[in-house]
Amino acid sequence: MDWHTFFAEMPDYRVNRCKKHHLVDILVIALCALISGADDFEEIGAYGRREEAFLRTFLDSSTGIPSHDTFTRVFRRRTPTLSGAVFTLGRRRRGPALRSRCKR
């Protein structure tokens, strides 16, 4: 799956000089974590750290895994409707395929 294509229409509202992690990496880690049962940003960060070797097989992650604070900042700036629509779309269209890739 080409994650850049999947999330191509997702705007990045972050300030350029403050971007350490690629937005696609943040979104994919969050999506995989949610599918794997994460309920909040701390659990998303914990999932990323726990599954870092696995995530590196298909994400850039050259700057490491974002902290839970990074996930919090990114998702607080997003329009809830837009974020929700992307995650709903991901679950409907890719649910079974994503589950097999996100849970090892």
Protein backbone atom coordinates (compact mmCIF):
# COMPACT_ATOMS: atom_id res chain seq x y z
CA MET A 1 0.00 0.00 0.00
CA ASP A 2 1.30 3.45 -0.87
CA TRP A 3 0.62 5.51 2.26
CA HIS A 4 1.59 8.78 0.54
CA THR A 5 -1.18 8.25 -2.01
CA PHE A 6 -3.67 7.17 0.65
CA PHE A 7 -3.10 10.32 2.72
CA ALA A 8 -2.32 12.66 -0.23
CA GLU A 9 -5.22 15.00 0.45
CA MET A 10 -4.46 15.38 4.15
CA PRO A 11 -3.16 18.93 4.73
CA ASP A 12 -0.20 19.45 7.04
CA TYR A 13 -0.84 22.46 9.28
CA ARG A 14 2.44 22.27 11.13
CA VAL A 15 5.06 25.03 10.95
CA ASN A 16 7.80 23.93 8.50
CA ARG A 17 10.70 24.73 10.84
CA CYS A 18 9.13 22.58 13.57
CA LYS A 19 8.57 19.42 11.51
CA LYS A 20 10.74 16.59 12.73
CA HIS A 21 8.56 13.67 11.58
CA HIS A 22 6.80 13.12 8.27
CA LEU A 23 3.04 13.62 8.54
CA VAL A 24 2.41 10.33 6.72
CA ASP A 25 4.49 8.47 9.32
CA ILE A 26 2.48 10.06 12.15
CA LEU A 27 -0.84 9.21 10.51
CA VAL A 28 0.11 5.63 9.66
CA ILE A 29 1.47 4.91 13.14
CA ALA A 30 -1.71 6.35 14.66
CA LEU A 31 -3.92 4.35 12.32
CA CYS A 32 -2.08 1.08 13.02
CA ALA A 33 -2.15 1.78 16.75
CA LEU A 34 -5.89 2.49 16.72
CA ILE A 35 -6.59 -0.68 14.77
CA SER A 36 -4.45 -2.56 17.29
CA GLY A 37 -6.54 -1.24 20.18
CA ALA A 38 -4.87 2.02 21.30
CA ASP A 39 -7.30 4.40 23.00
CA ASP A 40 -5.27 7.57 23.49
CA PHE A 41 -2.11 9.37 22.41
CA GLU A 42 0.06 7.77 25.08
CA GLU A 43 -0.98 4.33 23.84
CA ILE A 44 -0.30 5.39 20.25
CA GLY A 45 3.22 6.47 21.23
CA ALA A 46 3.74 3.24 23.16
CA TYR A 47 2.58 1.21 20.14
CA GLY A 48 5.07 3.08 17.94
CA ARG A 49 7.97 2.38 20.29
CA ARG A 50 6.97 -1.25 20.77
CA GLU A 51 6.54 -1.89 17.03
CA GLU A 52 9.34 0.38 15.77
CA ALA A 53 11.26 -2.36 13.95
CA PHE A 54 8.08 -3.48 12.21
CA LEU A 55 7.03 0.09 11.29
CA ARG A 56 10.46 0.79 9.78
CA THR A 57 9.79 -1.93 7.18
CA PHE A 58 7.29 0.36 5.41
CA LEU A 59 7.75 3.89 6.84
CA ASP A 60 10.65 6.34 6.67
CA SER A 61 10.96 6.82 10.44
CA SER A 62 14.55 8.06 10.01
CA THR A 63 13.99 10.48 12.89
CA GLY A 64 12.58 7.83 15.20
CA ILE A 65 9.09 7.32 16.51
CA PRO A 66 7.15 10.45 17.47
CA SER A 67 6.35 10.93 21.14
CA HIS A 68 2.81 10.93 22.47
CA ASP A 69 3.15 14.72 22.74
CA THR A 70 3.76 14.91 18.97
CA PHE A 71 0.66 12.84 18.24
CA THR A 72 -1.32 15.10 20.57
CA ARG A 73 -0.11 18.29 18.87
CA VAL A 74 -0.70 16.99 15.34
CA PHE A 75 -4.22 15.73 16.01
CA ARG A 76 -5.30 18.76 18.03
CA ARG A 77 -4.56 20.95 15.01
CA ARG A 78 -6.53 18.76 12.61
CA THR A 79 -10.19 19.24 11.81
CA PRO A 80 -11.97 16.48 13.75
CA THR A 81 -14.29 15.81 10.82
CA LEU A 82 -11.40 15.41 8.38
CA SER A 83 -9.36 13.17 10.69
CA GLY A 84 -12.43 11.10 11.49
CA ALA A 85 -13.28 10.72 7.82
CA VAL A 86 -9.81 9.46 6.96
CA PHE A 87 -9.80 6.94 9.80
CA THR A 88 -13.33 5.78 8.96
CA LEU A 89 -12.35 5.40 5.32
CA GLY A 90 -9.25 3.48 6.32
CA ARG A 91 -11.22 1.10 8.50
CA ARG A 92 -13.90 0.47 5.88
CA ARG A 93 -11.69 0.11 2.83
CA ARG A 94 -8.59 -1.37 4.34
CA GLY A 95 -9.69 -2.76 7.68
CA PRO A 96 -8.87 -6.45 7.23
CA ALA A 97 -5.71 -5.75 5.22
CA LEU A 98 -4.50 -3.14 7.70
CA ARG A 99 -5.20 -5.35 10.69
CA SER A 100 -2.99 -8.04 9.22
CA ARG A 101 -0.16 -5.52 8.68
CA CYS A 102 -0.55 -3.67 11.98
CA LYS A 103 -0.85 -6.70 14.25
CA ARG A 104 1.94 -9.20 14.08
